[in-house]
Amino acid sequence: MHSLTRLSGRVGNNLVGAGLALETLCNLLTAHRSKYNLEERDIDGLNQAVLTISAYVMSAGYDLCEAAEAEQEASHV
């Protein structure tokens, strides 16, 4: 089980990092919307998609990290 805990922690951290990166992309799309040849609704749709994916990925990462920490604490008792 110890290797599962380590793997969960590592994957959780990677998921959180990916979520943060997606959130940054969303912020960049919003800040630089005039550089793209897309209509306003297309940019809004892209922002919403990236933001939704980032929220899901970060949430999954945090949940996985918390589960790994709880498992590790339980194994030390």
N, C-alpha and C. Protein backbone atom coordinates (compact mmCIF):
# COMPACT_ATOMS: atom_id res chain seq x y z
N MET A 1 0.83 -1.20 0.00
CA MET A 1 0.00 0.00 0.00
C MET A 1 0.86 1.25 0.00
N HIS A 2 2.06 1.16 0.53
CA HIS A 2 2.92 2.34 0.61
C HIS A 2 3.23 2.89 -0.78
N SER A 3 3.47 2.01 -1.77
CA SER A 3 3.75 2.51 -3.12
C SER A 3 2.51 3.17 -3.73
N LEU A 4 1.32 2.68 -3.37
CA LEU A 4 0.10 3.32 -3.84
C LEU A 4 -0.03 4.72 -3.27
N THR A 5 0.34 4.88 -2.01
CA THR A 5 0.29 6.19 -1.37
C THR A 5 1.25 7.15 -2.06
N ARG A 6 2.46 6.71 -2.35
CA ARG A 6 3.42 7.57 -3.05
C ARG A 6 2.94 7.93 -4.44
N LEU A 7 2.40 6.93 -5.15
CA LEU A 7 1.89 7.18 -6.50
C LEU A 7 0.72 8.15 -6.45
N SER A 8 -0.17 7.97 -5.51
CA SER A 8 -1.32 8.88 -5.38
C SER A 8 -0.86 10.30 -5.11
N GLY A 9 0.12 10.46 -4.25
CA GLY A 9 0.65 11.79 -3.96
C GLY A 9 1.27 12.43 -5.18
N ARG A 10 2.05 11.65 -5.93
CA ARG A 10 2.72 12.18 -7.11
C ARG A 10 1.70 12.55 -8.20
N VAL A 11 0.77 11.65 -8.45
CA VAL A 11 -0.25 11.91 -9.48
C VAL A 11 -1.13 13.08 -9.05
N GLY A 12 -1.47 13.13 -7.77
CA GLY A 12 -2.26 14.25 -7.26
C GLY A 12 -1.56 15.58 -7.48
N ASN A 13 -0.28 15.63 -7.18
CA ASN A 13 0.49 16.85 -7.40
C ASN A 13 0.53 17.23 -8.88
N ASN A 14 0.68 16.23 -9.74
CA ASN A 14 0.69 16.50 -11.19
C ASN A 14 -0.67 17.03 -11.66
N LEU A 15 -1.75 16.47 -11.13
CA LEU A 15 -3.08 16.94 -11.50
C LEU A 15 -3.29 18.39 -11.07
N VAL A 16 -2.85 18.71 -9.86
CA VAL A 16 -2.99 20.08 -9.37
C VAL A 16 -2.18 21.03 -10.26
N GLY A 17 -0.96 20.63 -10.61
CA GLY A 17 -0.12 21.45 -11.50
C GLY A 17 -0.77 21.65 -12.86
N ALA A 18 -1.37 20.60 -13.40
CA ALA A 18 -2.05 20.71 -14.69
C ALA A 18 -3.26 21.64 -14.59
N GLY A 19 -3.97 21.55 -13.48
CA GLY A 19 -5.11 22.44 -13.28
C GLY A 19 -4.69 23.89 -13.20
N LEU A 20 -3.61 24.14 -12.49
CA LEU A 20 -3.10 25.51 -12.40
C LEU A 20 -2.64 26.02 -13.76
N ALA A 21 -2.01 25.16 -14.54
CA ALA A 21 -1.58 25.55 -15.88
C ALA A 21 -2.78 25.89 -16.77
N LEU A 22 -3.83 25.09 -16.69
CA LEU A 22 -5.04 25.37 -17.46
C LEU A 22 -5.68 26.68 -17.02
N GLU A 23 -5.68 26.93 -15.73
CA GLU A 23 -6.22 28.18 -15.22
C GLU A 23 -5.43 29.37 -15.76
N THR A 24 -4.12 29.24 -15.85
CA THR A 24 -3.27 30.28 -16.41
C THR A 24 -3.60 30.52 -17.88
N LEU A 25 -3.82 29.44 -18.64
CA LEU A 25 -4.21 29.58 -20.04
C LEU A 25 -5.52 30.35 -20.17
N CYS A 26 -6.44 30.07 -19.28
CA CYS A 26 -7.71 30.79 -19.30
C CYS A 26 -7.48 32.27 -19.05
N ASN A 27 -6.64 32.59 -18.10
CA ASN A 27 -6.32 33.99 -17.81
C ASN A 27 -5.65 34.67 -19.00
N LEU A 28 -4.77 33.96 -19.68
CA LEU A 28 -4.10 34.53 -20.86
C LEU A 28 -5.08 34.76 -22.00
N LEU A 29 -6.00 33.83 -22.19
CA LEU A 29 -7.01 34.03 -23.24
C LEU A 29 -7.83 35.28 -22.96
N THR A 30 -8.16 35.49 -21.72
CA THR A 30 -8.95 36.67 -21.35
C THR A 30 -8.15 37.95 -21.54
N ALA A 31 -6.90 37.93 -21.13
CA ALA A 31 -6.07 39.13 -21.19
C ALA A 31 -5.70 39.52 -22.61
N HIS A 32 -5.57 38.54 -23.50
CA HIS A 32 -5.09 38.82 -24.86
C HIS A 32 -6.13 38.49 -25.92
N ARG A 33 -7.39 38.69 -25.60
CA ARG A 33 -8.45 38.32 -26.53
C ARG A 33 -8.37 39.08 -27.84
N SER A 34 -7.78 40.26 -27.86
CA SER A 34 -7.72 41.05 -29.10
C SER A 34 -6.72 40.48 -30.10
N LYS A 35 -5.83 39.59 -29.67
CA LYS A 35 -4.83 39.02 -30.58
C LYS A 35 -5.37 37.86 -31.41
N TYR A 36 -6.54 37.35 -31.06
CA TYR A 36 -7.09 36.20 -31.74
C TYR A 36 -8.17 36.64 -32.73
N ASN A 37 -8.24 35.93 -33.83
CA ASN A 37 -9.26 36.22 -34.83
C ASN A 37 -10.52 35.39 -34.57
N LEU A 38 -10.96 35.42 -33.34
CA LEU A 38 -12.15 34.69 -32.95
C LEU A 38 -13.21 35.67 -32.48
N GLU A 39 -14.44 35.27 -32.61
CA GLU A 39 -15.52 36.12 -32.14
C GLU A 39 -15.58 36.06 -30.61
N GLU A 40 -16.22 37.05 -30.04
CA GLU A 40 -16.33 37.16 -28.58
C GLU A 40 -16.90 35.88 -27.96
N ARG A 41 -17.94 35.31 -28.57
CA ARG A 41 -18.55 34.11 -27.99
C ARG A 41 -17.62 32.91 -28.07
N ASP A 42 -16.74 32.86 -29.10
CA ASP A 42 -15.77 31.78 -29.19
C ASP A 42 -14.74 31.88 -28.07
N ILE A 43 -14.25 33.10 -27.81
CA ILE A 43 -13.29 33.30 -26.73
C ILE A 43 -13.94 32.96 -25.40
N ASP A 44 -15.18 33.39 -25.21
CA ASP A 44 -15.89 33.08 -23.97
C ASP A 44 -16.06 31.57 -23.80
N GLY A 45 -16.37 30.89 -24.89
CA GLY A 45 -16.51 29.43 -24.84
C GLY A 45 -15.20 28.74 -24.50
N LEU A 46 -14.11 29.21 -25.11
CA LEU A 46 -12.79 28.65 -24.80
C LEU A 46 -12.42 28.89 -23.34
N ASN A 47 -12.66 30.11 -22.87
CA ASN A 47 -12.38 30.41 -21.46
C ASN A 47 -13.16 29.49 -20.54
N GLN A 48 -14.43 29.31 -20.83
CA GLN A 48 -15.26 28.46 -19.97
C GLN A 48 -14.79 27.01 -20.01
N ALA A 49 -14.43 26.52 -21.18
CA ALA A 49 -13.94 25.15 -21.30
C ALA A 49 -12.66 24.94 -20.52
N VAL A 50 -11.71 25.84 -20.69
CA VAL A 50 -10.43 25.71 -19.99
C VAL A 50 -10.63 25.84 -18.49
N LEU A 51 -11.46 26.77 -18.07
CA LEU A 51 -11.71 26.97 -16.64
C LEU A 51 -12.40 25.75 -16.03
N THR A 52 -13.35 25.17 -16.74
CA THR A 52 -14.05 23.99 -16.25
C THR A 52 -13.09 22.81 -16.12
N ILE A 53 -12.27 22.59 -17.14
CA ILE A 53 -11.30 21.50 -17.09
C ILE A 53 -10.30 21.73 -15.96
N SER A 54 -9.83 22.96 -15.79
CA SER A 54 -8.86 23.24 -14.73
C SER A 54 -9.46 22.99 -13.37
N ALA A 55 -10.71 23.37 -13.17
CA ALA A 55 -11.36 23.15 -11.87
C ALA A 55 -11.48 21.65 -11.59
N TYR A 56 -11.87 20.88 -12.58
CA TYR A 56 -11.99 19.44 -12.40
C TYR A 56 -10.64 18.80 -12.09
N VAL A 57 -9.62 19.15 -12.85
CA VAL A 57 -8.29 18.56 -12.68
C VAL A 57 -7.72 18.93 -11.32
N MET A 58 -7.83 20.21 -10.93
CA MET A 58 -7.31 20.62 -9.62
C MET A 58 -8.06 19.91 -8.50
N SER A 59 -9.37 19.80 -8.61
CA SER A 59 -10.16 19.13 -7.58
C SER A 59 -9.76 17.66 -7.46
N ALA A 60 -9.59 17.00 -8.60
CA ALA A 60 -9.17 15.60 -8.57
C ALA A 60 -7.79 15.46 -7.94
N GLY A 61 -6.89 16.38 -8.26
CA GLY A 61 -5.54 16.35 -7.68
C GLY A 61 -5.56 16.56 -6.18
N TYR A 62 -6.32 17.55 -5.72
CA TYR A 62 -6.41 17.80 -4.29
C TYR A 62 -7.04 16.60 -3.56
N ASP A 63 -8.11 16.05 -4.14
CA ASP A 63 -8.76 14.89 -3.52
C ASP A 63 -7.80 13.71 -3.42
N LEU A 64 -7.04 13.48 -4.48
CA LEU A 64 -6.10 12.36 -4.48
C LEU A 64 -4.97 12.58 -3.47
N CYS A 65 -4.46 13.80 -3.40
CA CYS A 65 -3.41 14.10 -2.41
C CYS A 65 -3.94 13.93 -0.99
N GLU A 66 -5.14 14.41 -0.72
CA GLU A 66 -5.72 14.26 0.61
C GLU A 66 -5.92 12.79 0.97
N ALA A 67 -6.37 11.99 0.01
CA ALA A 67 -6.57 10.56 0.26
C ALA A 67 -5.23 9.88 0.53
N ALA A 68 -4.21 10.26 -0.22
CA ALA A 68 -2.88 9.68 -0.01
C ALA A 68 -2.34 10.05 1.37
N GLU A 69 -2.52 11.30 1.78
CA GLU A 69 -2.07 11.73 3.10
C GLU A 69 -2.82 11.00 4.21
N ALA A 70 -4.13 10.86 4.05
CA ALA A 70 -4.93 10.15 5.05
C ALA A 70 -4.51 8.69 5.15
N GLU A 71 -4.25 8.06 4.00
CA GLU A 71 -3.80 6.68 3.98
C GLU A 71 -2.44 6.52 4.66
N GLN A 72 -1.57 7.47 4.40
CA GLN A 72 -0.23 7.42 5.00
C GLN A 72 -0.33 7.62 6.51
N GLU A 73 -1.15 8.55 6.96
CA GLU A 73 -1.33 8.78 8.40
C GLU A 73 -1.94 7.55 9.06
N ALA A 74 -2.90 6.92 8.42
CA ALA A 74 -3.55 5.73 8.97
C ALA A 74 -2.58 4.57 9.08
N SER A 75 -1.64 4.48 8.16
CA SER A 75 -0.68 3.37 8.20
C SER A 75 0.38 3.57 9.27
N HIS A 76 0.53 4.81 9.77
CA HIS A 76 1.50 5.08 10.83
C HIS A 76 0.93 4.90 12.23
N VAL A 77 -0.38 4.67 12.32
CA VAL A 77 -1.03 4.54 13.63
C VAL A 77 -0.94 3.16 14.15
